[in-house]
Amino acid sequence: MENSLSSALEGNAKFLGMLQDDSFARAAFDVLCDKEFVNKQGKRWSCSNRFAAKLISGLRGETEDPYRYCHEERPDRVQNDPNVTAFRNILDHLGWHELTPEEDAEQVLDAIHELEIAETLPASGTPEWYAALYGFVARIGQPETLVQRIHKAAQDGRISKHEFHDLLARALPSPEAIEIVEARLRARQMGMA
């Protein structure tokens, strides 16, 4: 299993062959553009419209403006286009799919749970790796946001550098997942979950 979706696509001969078709290339761009994907191990991969354009253009060997895909009209045809279906089948074969709001919410909730466990550990002082990355951050009591809480746990030496980056990656939900996370947290506070 590849570490990133772009690596997996670059190494897939079927995808590279199909990508030479303009309609398929456009469909692949439409699927990748401004989306998050996840593999079977839960590894996330984000793709901006500019990265999608550079990836598609580069893999096609195009020397013209890679951002032309970003400027083209994007018809709302993603649902019924056979090229979109073919590209999603390739993604599935590679072990990747578009992150759903439910999966996004689940990862945020997992990150919150892991952070709550880390917050119970004794503080051991600001580790060198955190100080080097973020400098000294004054302690201001209980931080308000999840991201601030993750930073505080790292600053206090309660989580490792790997845990810090992993929690941050999972703690930033999509707008669609925010409502799901908030509802589940309310239910948990009321003892329902």
C-alpha atoms as a PDB file:
ATOM      1  CA  MET A   1       0.000   0.000   0.000  1.00  0.00           C
ATOM      2  CA  GLU A   2       1.380   3.376  -1.024  1.00  0.00           C
ATOM      3  CA  ASN A   3       1.917   6.136   1.534  1.00  0.00           C
ATOM      4  CA  SER A   4       0.156   8.787  -0.524  1.00  0.00           C
ATOM      5  CA  LEU A   5      -2.508   8.677  -3.160  1.00  0.00           C
ATOM      6  CA  SER A   6      -0.315  10.588  -5.613  1.00  0.00           C
ATOM      7  CA  SER A   7       2.412   7.933  -5.261  1.00  0.00           C
ATOM      8  CA  ALA A   8      -0.105   5.169  -5.793  1.00  0.00           C
ATOM      9  CA  LEU A   9      -1.461   6.855  -8.932  1.00  0.00           C
ATOM     10  CA  GLU A  10       2.028   7.532 -10.309  1.00  0.00           C
ATOM     11  CA  GLY A  11       2.816   3.826 -10.052  1.00  0.00           C
ATOM     12  CA  ASN A  12      -0.396   2.527 -11.615  1.00  0.00           C
ATOM     13  CA  ALA A  13       0.029   1.659 -15.311  1.00  0.00           C
ATOM     14  CA  LYS A  14      -3.720   1.354 -15.944  1.00  0.00           C
ATOM     15  CA  PHE A  15      -4.349   4.846 -14.560  1.00  0.00           C
ATOM     16  CA  LEU A  16      -1.430   6.340 -16.499  1.00  0.00           C
ATOM     17  CA  GLY A  17      -2.722   4.797 -19.726  1.00  0.00           C
ATOM     18  CA  MET A  18      -6.292   5.999 -19.202  1.00  0.00           C
ATOM     19  CA  LEU A  19      -5.036   9.438 -18.203  1.00  0.00           C
ATOM     20  CA  GLN A  20      -3.953  10.132 -21.786  1.00  0.00           C
ATOM     21  CA  ASP A  21      -7.641  10.476 -22.705  1.00  0.00           C
ATOM     22  CA  ASP A  22      -8.712  14.122 -22.228  1.00  0.00           C
ATOM     23  CA  SER A  23     -12.162  13.233 -20.864  1.00  0.00           C
ATOM     24  CA  PHE A  24     -10.696  10.788 -18.345  1.00  0.00           C
ATOM     25  CA  ALA A  25      -8.046  13.341 -17.282  1.00  0.00           C
ATOM     26  CA  ARG A  26     -10.767  15.941 -16.713  1.00  0.00           C
ATOM     27  CA  ALA A  27     -12.840  13.447 -14.711  1.00  0.00           C
ATOM     28  CA  ALA A  28      -9.822  12.492 -12.558  1.00  0.00           C
ATOM     29  CA  PHE A  29      -9.183  16.191 -11.887  1.00  0.00           C
ATOM     30  CA  ASP A  30     -12.836  16.728 -10.929  1.00  0.00           C
ATOM     31  CA  VAL A  31     -12.728  13.840  -8.449  1.00  0.00           C
ATOM     32  CA  LEU A  32      -9.401  14.900  -6.893  1.00  0.00           C
ATOM     33  CA  CYS A  33     -10.049  18.648  -6.777  1.00  0.00           C
ATOM     34  CA  ASP A  34     -10.346  20.089  -3.256  1.00  0.00           C
ATOM     35  CA  LYS A  35     -11.032  16.725  -1.629  1.00  0.00           C
ATOM     36  CA  GLU A  36      -9.631  14.549   1.124  1.00  0.00           C
ATOM     37  CA  PHE A  37      -9.062  10.850   0.648  1.00  0.00           C
ATOM     38  CA  VAL A  38      -8.356   8.017   3.051  1.00  0.00           C
ATOM     39  CA  ASN A  39      -6.774   4.606   2.567  1.00  0.00           C
ATOM     40  CA  LYS A  40      -7.671   1.328   4.266  1.00  0.00           C
ATOM     41  CA  GLN A  41      -5.191   2.041   7.077  1.00  0.00           C
ATOM     42  CA  GLY A  42      -6.858   5.393   7.816  1.00  0.00           C
ATOM     43  CA  LYS A  43      -4.079   7.530   6.291  1.00  0.00           C
ATOM     44  CA  ARG A  44      -5.481  10.798   4.969  1.00  0.00           C
ATOM     45  CA  TRP A  45      -4.379  12.601   1.824  1.00  0.00           C
ATOM     46  CA  SER A  46      -5.569  16.086   0.845  1.00  0.00           C
ATOM     47  CA  CYS A  47      -5.661  17.450  -2.680  1.00  0.00           C
ATOM     48  CA  SER A  48      -6.137  21.105  -3.561  1.00  0.00           C
ATOM     49  CA  ASN A  49      -7.306  22.126  -7.006  1.00  0.00           C
ATOM     50  CA  ARG A  50      -3.809  23.415  -7.836  1.00  0.00           C
ATOM     51  CA  PHE A  51      -2.123  20.174  -6.736  1.00  0.00           C
ATOM     52  CA  ALA A  52      -4.679  18.118  -8.686  1.00  0.00           C
ATOM     53  CA  ALA A  53      -3.966  20.204 -11.790  1.00  0.00           C
ATOM     54  CA  LYS A  54      -0.187  19.821 -11.414  1.00  0.00           C
ATOM     55  CA  LEU A  55      -0.498  16.081 -10.741  1.00  0.00           C
ATOM     56  CA  ILE A  56      -2.740  15.366 -13.732  1.00  0.00           C
ATOM     57  CA  SER A  57      -0.780  17.637 -16.052  1.00  0.00           C
ATOM     58  CA  GLY A  58       2.563  16.226 -14.902  1.00  0.00           C
ATOM     59  CA  LEU A  59       1.517  12.597 -15.234  1.00  0.00           C
ATOM     60  CA  ARG A  60       0.234  13.319 -18.747  1.00  0.00           C
ATOM     61  CA  GLY A  61       3.614  14.817 -19.650  1.00  0.00           C
ATOM     62  CA  GLU A  62       2.030  18.139 -20.530  1.00  0.00           C
ATOM     63  CA  THR A  63       4.285  21.150 -20.785  1.00  0.00           C
ATOM     64  CA  GLU A  64       1.511  23.735 -21.124  1.00  0.00           C
ATOM     65  CA  ASP A  65      -0.107  25.557 -18.223  1.00  0.00           C
ATOM     66  CA  PRO A  66      -0.888  22.863 -15.623  1.00  0.00           C
ATOM     67  CA  TYR A  67      -3.468  25.145 -14.047  1.00  0.00           C
ATOM     68  CA  ARG A  68      -5.668  25.166 -17.136  1.00  0.00           C
ATOM     69  CA  TYR A  69      -7.776  22.498 -15.436  1.00  0.00           C
ATOM     70  CA  CYS A  70      -8.502  24.979 -12.639  1.00  0.00           C
ATOM     71  CA  HIS A  71      -9.726  27.597 -15.104  1.00  0.00           C
ATOM     72  CA  GLU A  72     -11.911  25.344 -17.224  1.00  0.00           C
ATOM     73  CA  GLU A  73     -15.625  25.199 -16.656  1.00  0.00           C
ATOM     74  CA  ARG A  74     -16.368  22.413 -14.161  1.00  0.00           C
ATOM     75  CA  PRO A  75     -19.727  20.973 -15.154  1.00  0.00           C
ATOM     76  CA  ASP A  76     -21.639  19.262 -12.418  1.00  0.00           C
ATOM     77  CA  ARG A  77     -21.271  15.855 -14.083  1.00  0.00           C
ATOM     78  CA  VAL A  78     -19.270  13.988 -11.500  1.00  0.00           C
ATOM     79  CA  GLN A  79     -22.146  11.718 -10.454  1.00  0.00           C
ATOM     80  CA  ASN A  80     -23.020  10.118 -13.829  1.00  0.00           C
ATOM     81  CA  ASP A  81     -19.788  10.319 -15.821  1.00  0.00           C
ATOM     82  CA  PRO A  82     -18.422   6.841 -16.723  1.00  0.00           C
ATOM     83  CA  ASN A  83     -14.879   8.276 -16.550  1.00  0.00           C
ATOM     84  CA  VAL A  84     -15.520   9.345 -12.958  1.00  0.00           C
ATOM     85  CA  THR A  85     -16.757   5.836 -12.179  1.00  0.00           C
ATOM     86  CA  ALA A  86     -13.672   4.332 -13.853  1.00  0.00           C
ATOM     87  CA  PHE A  87     -11.356   6.627 -11.861  1.00  0.00           C
ATOM     88  CA  ARG A  88     -13.127   5.832  -8.586  1.00  0.00           C
ATOM     89  CA  ASN A  89     -12.729   2.123  -9.389  1.00  0.00           C
ATOM     90  CA  ILE A  90      -8.977   2.673  -9.782  1.00  0.00           C
ATOM     91  CA  LEU A  91      -8.913   4.504  -6.440  1.00  0.00           C
ATOM     92  CA  ASP A  92     -10.769   1.606  -4.834  1.00  0.00           C
ATOM     93  CA  HIS A  93      -8.346  -0.908  -6.380  1.00  0.00           C
ATOM     94  CA  LEU A  94      -5.464   1.119  -4.891  1.00  0.00           C
ATOM     95  CA  GLY A  95      -7.156   1.075  -1.474  1.00  0.00           C
ATOM     96  CA  TRP A  96      -8.224   4.737  -1.447  1.00  0.00           C
ATOM     97  CA  HIS A  97     -11.590   6.517  -1.419  1.00  0.00           C
ATOM     98  CA  GLU A  98     -12.953   9.976  -0.807  1.00  0.00           C
ATOM     99  CA  LEU A  99     -13.247  10.729   2.902  1.00  0.00           C
ATOM    100  CA  THR A 100     -16.904  10.781   3.934  1.00  0.00           C
ATOM    101  CA  PRO A 101     -18.219  13.223   6.546  1.00  0.00           C
ATOM    102  CA  GLU A 102     -18.914  10.216   8.818  1.00  0.00           C
ATOM    103  CA  GLU A 103     -15.295   8.994   8.532  1.00  0.00           C
ATOM    104  CA  ASP A 104     -14.035  12.542   9.062  1.00  0.00           C
ATOM    105  CA  ALA A 105     -16.153  12.905  12.184  1.00  0.00           C
ATOM    106  CA  GLU A 106     -15.012   9.499  13.460  1.00  0.00           C
ATOM    107  CA  GLN A 107     -11.347  10.492  13.076  1.00  0.00           C
ATOM    108  CA  VAL A 108     -11.960  13.754  14.942  1.00  0.00           C
ATOM    109  CA  LEU A 109     -13.686  11.876  17.757  1.00  0.00           C
ATOM    110  CA  ASP A 110     -10.809   9.371  17.899  1.00  0.00           C
ATOM    111  CA  ALA A 111      -8.345  12.265  18.095  1.00  0.00           C
ATOM    112  CA  ILE A 112     -10.362  13.841  20.930  1.00  0.00           C
ATOM    113  CA  HIS A 113     -10.371  10.516  22.823  1.00  0.00           C
ATOM    114  CA  GLU A 114      -6.603  10.048  22.395  1.00  0.00           C
ATOM    115  CA  LEU A 115      -5.992  13.634  23.468  1.00  0.00           C
ATOM    116  CA  GLU A 116      -8.147  13.187  26.576  1.00  0.00           C
ATOM    117  CA  ILE A 117      -5.985  10.203  27.541  1.00  0.00           C
ATOM    118  CA  ALA A 118      -2.786  12.185  26.905  1.00  0.00           C
ATOM    119  CA  GLU A 119      -4.091  15.066  29.000  1.00  0.00           C
ATOM    120  CA  THR A 120      -4.268  12.760  32.027  1.00  0.00           C
ATOM    121  CA  LEU A 121      -0.524  12.027  31.839  1.00  0.00           C
ATOM    122  CA  PRO A 122       1.832  14.059  34.012  1.00  0.00           C
ATOM    123  CA  ALA A 123       3.420  17.071  32.347  1.00  0.00           C
ATOM    124  CA  SER A 124       7.137  16.661  31.762  1.00  0.00           C
ATOM    125  CA  GLY A 125       8.079  20.063  30.404  1.00  0.00           C
ATOM    126  CA  THR A 126       8.267  21.374  26.857  1.00  0.00           C
ATOM    127  CA  PRO A 127      10.150  18.859  24.666  1.00  0.00           C
ATOM    128  CA  GLU A 128      12.926  20.161  22.447  1.00  0.00           C
ATOM    129  CA  TRP A 129      11.103  19.113  19.270  1.00  0.00           C
ATOM    130  CA  TYR A 130       8.074  21.246  20.178  1.00  0.00           C
ATOM    131  CA  ALA A 131      10.125  24.235  21.281  1.00  0.00           C
ATOM    132  CA  ALA A 132      12.098  24.071  18.042  1.00  0.00           C
ATOM    133  CA  LEU A 133       8.949  23.944  15.925  1.00  0.00           C
ATOM    134  CA  TYR A 134       6.749  26.428  17.737  1.00  0.00           C
ATOM    135  CA  GLY A 135       8.871  28.330  20.237  1.00  0.00           C
ATOM    136  CA  PHE A 136       7.717  28.991  23.731  1.00  0.00           C
ATOM    137  CA  VAL A 137       3.961  29.366  24.118  1.00  0.00           C
ATOM    138  CA  ALA A 138       2.829  30.980  27.382  1.00  0.00           C
ATOM    139  CA  ARG A 139       0.544  28.828  29.458  1.00  0.00           C
ATOM    140  CA  ILE A 140      -2.881  30.382  29.534  1.00  0.00           C
ATOM    141  CA  GLY A 141      -4.851  27.846  31.535  1.00  0.00           C
ATOM    142  CA  GLN A 142      -7.232  25.458  29.764  1.00  0.00           C
ATOM    143  CA  PRO A 143      -7.106  26.151  26.017  1.00  0.00           C
ATOM    144  CA  GLU A 144     -10.472  26.557  24.330  1.00  0.00           C
ATOM    145  CA  THR A 145     -10.076  24.755  21.024  1.00  0.00           C
ATOM    146  CA  LEU A 146      -9.106  21.205  20.185  1.00  0.00           C
ATOM    147  CA  VAL A 147      -6.057  22.420  18.257  1.00  0.00           C
ATOM    148  CA  GLN A 148      -4.951  24.529  21.232  1.00  0.00           C
ATOM    149  CA  ARG A 149      -5.399  21.527  23.515  1.00  0.00           C
ATOM    150  CA  ILE A 150      -3.207  19.425  21.210  1.00  0.00           C
ATOM    151  CA  HIS A 151      -0.538  22.126  21.268  1.00  0.00           C
ATOM    152  CA  LYS A 152      -0.715  22.297  25.058  1.00  0.00           C
ATOM    153  CA  ALA A 153      -0.382  18.494  25.396  1.00  0.00           C
ATOM    154  CA  ALA A 154       2.703  18.640  23.165  1.00  0.00           C
ATOM    155  CA  GLN A 155       4.118  21.647  24.981  1.00  0.00           C
ATOM    156  CA  ASP A 156       3.714  19.853  28.296  1.00  0.00           C
ATOM    157  CA  GLY A 157       5.473  16.751  26.962  1.00  0.00           C
ATOM    158  CA  ARG A 158       2.368  14.555  27.206  1.00  0.00           C
ATOM    159  CA  ILE A 159       2.468  13.444  23.564  1.00  0.00           C
ATOM    160  CA  SER A 160       5.258  12.647  21.113  1.00  0.00           C
ATOM    161  CA  LYS A 161       6.037  14.534  17.918  1.00  0.00           C
ATOM    162  CA  HIS A 162       4.394  11.752  15.896  1.00  0.00           C
ATOM    163  CA  GLU A 163       1.274  11.829  18.094  1.00  0.00           C
ATOM    164  CA  PHE A 164       1.180  15.632  17.813  1.00  0.00           C
ATOM    165  CA  HIS A 165       1.163  15.578  14.003  1.00  0.00           C
ATOM    166  CA  ASP A 166      -1.255  12.645  13.870  1.00  0.00           C
ATOM    167  CA  LEU A 167      -3.736  14.315  16.233  1.00  0.00           C
ATOM    168  CA  LEU A 168      -3.533  17.614  14.356  1.00  0.00           C
ATOM    169  CA  ALA A 169      -4.195  15.889  11.038  1.00  0.00           C
ATOM    170  CA  ARG A 170      -7.319  14.247  12.418  1.00  0.00           C
ATOM    171  CA  ALA A 171      -8.559  17.198  14.481  1.00  0.00           C
ATOM    172  CA  LEU A 172      -9.528  19.470  11.610  1.00  0.00           C
ATOM    173  CA  PRO A 173     -12.905  18.269  10.347  1.00  0.00           C
ATOM    174  CA  SER A 174     -14.607  19.172   7.110  1.00  0.00           C
ATOM    175  CA  PRO A 175     -17.608  21.503   7.429  1.00  0.00           C
ATOM    176  CA  GLU A 176     -19.908  18.525   6.810  1.00  0.00           C
ATOM    177  CA  ALA A 177     -18.336  16.561   9.661  1.00  0.00           C
ATOM    178  CA  ILE A 178     -18.540  19.391  12.218  1.00  0.00           C
ATOM    179  CA  GLU A 179     -22.265  18.869  12.799  1.00  0.00           C
ATOM    180  CA  ILE A 180     -21.745  15.115  13.270  1.00  0.00           C
ATOM    181  CA  VAL A 181     -18.899  15.684  15.761  1.00  0.00           C
ATOM    182  CA  GLU A 182     -20.883  18.268  17.721  1.00  0.00           C
ATOM    183  CA  ALA A 183     -23.954  16.004  17.911  1.00  0.00           C
ATOM    184  CA  ARG A 184     -21.886  13.033  19.100  1.00  0.00           C
ATOM    185  CA  LEU A 185     -20.065  15.129  21.688  1.00  0.00           C
ATOM    186  CA  ARG A 186     -23.409  16.473  23.004  1.00  0.00           C
ATOM    187  CA  ALA A 187     -24.729  12.897  23.192  1.00  0.00           C
ATOM    188  CA  ARG A 188     -21.575  11.762  25.002  1.00  0.00           C
ATOM    189  CA  GLN A 189     -21.888  14.609  27.519  1.00  0.00           C
ATOM    190  CA  MET A 190     -25.452  13.548  28.189  1.00  0.00           C
ATOM    191  CA  GLY A 191     -24.291   9.942  28.681  1.00  0.00           C
ATOM    192  CA  MET A 192     -25.977   8.659  25.555  1.00  0.00           C
ATOM    193  CA  ALA A 193     -22.944   7.464  23.601  1.00  0.00           C
END
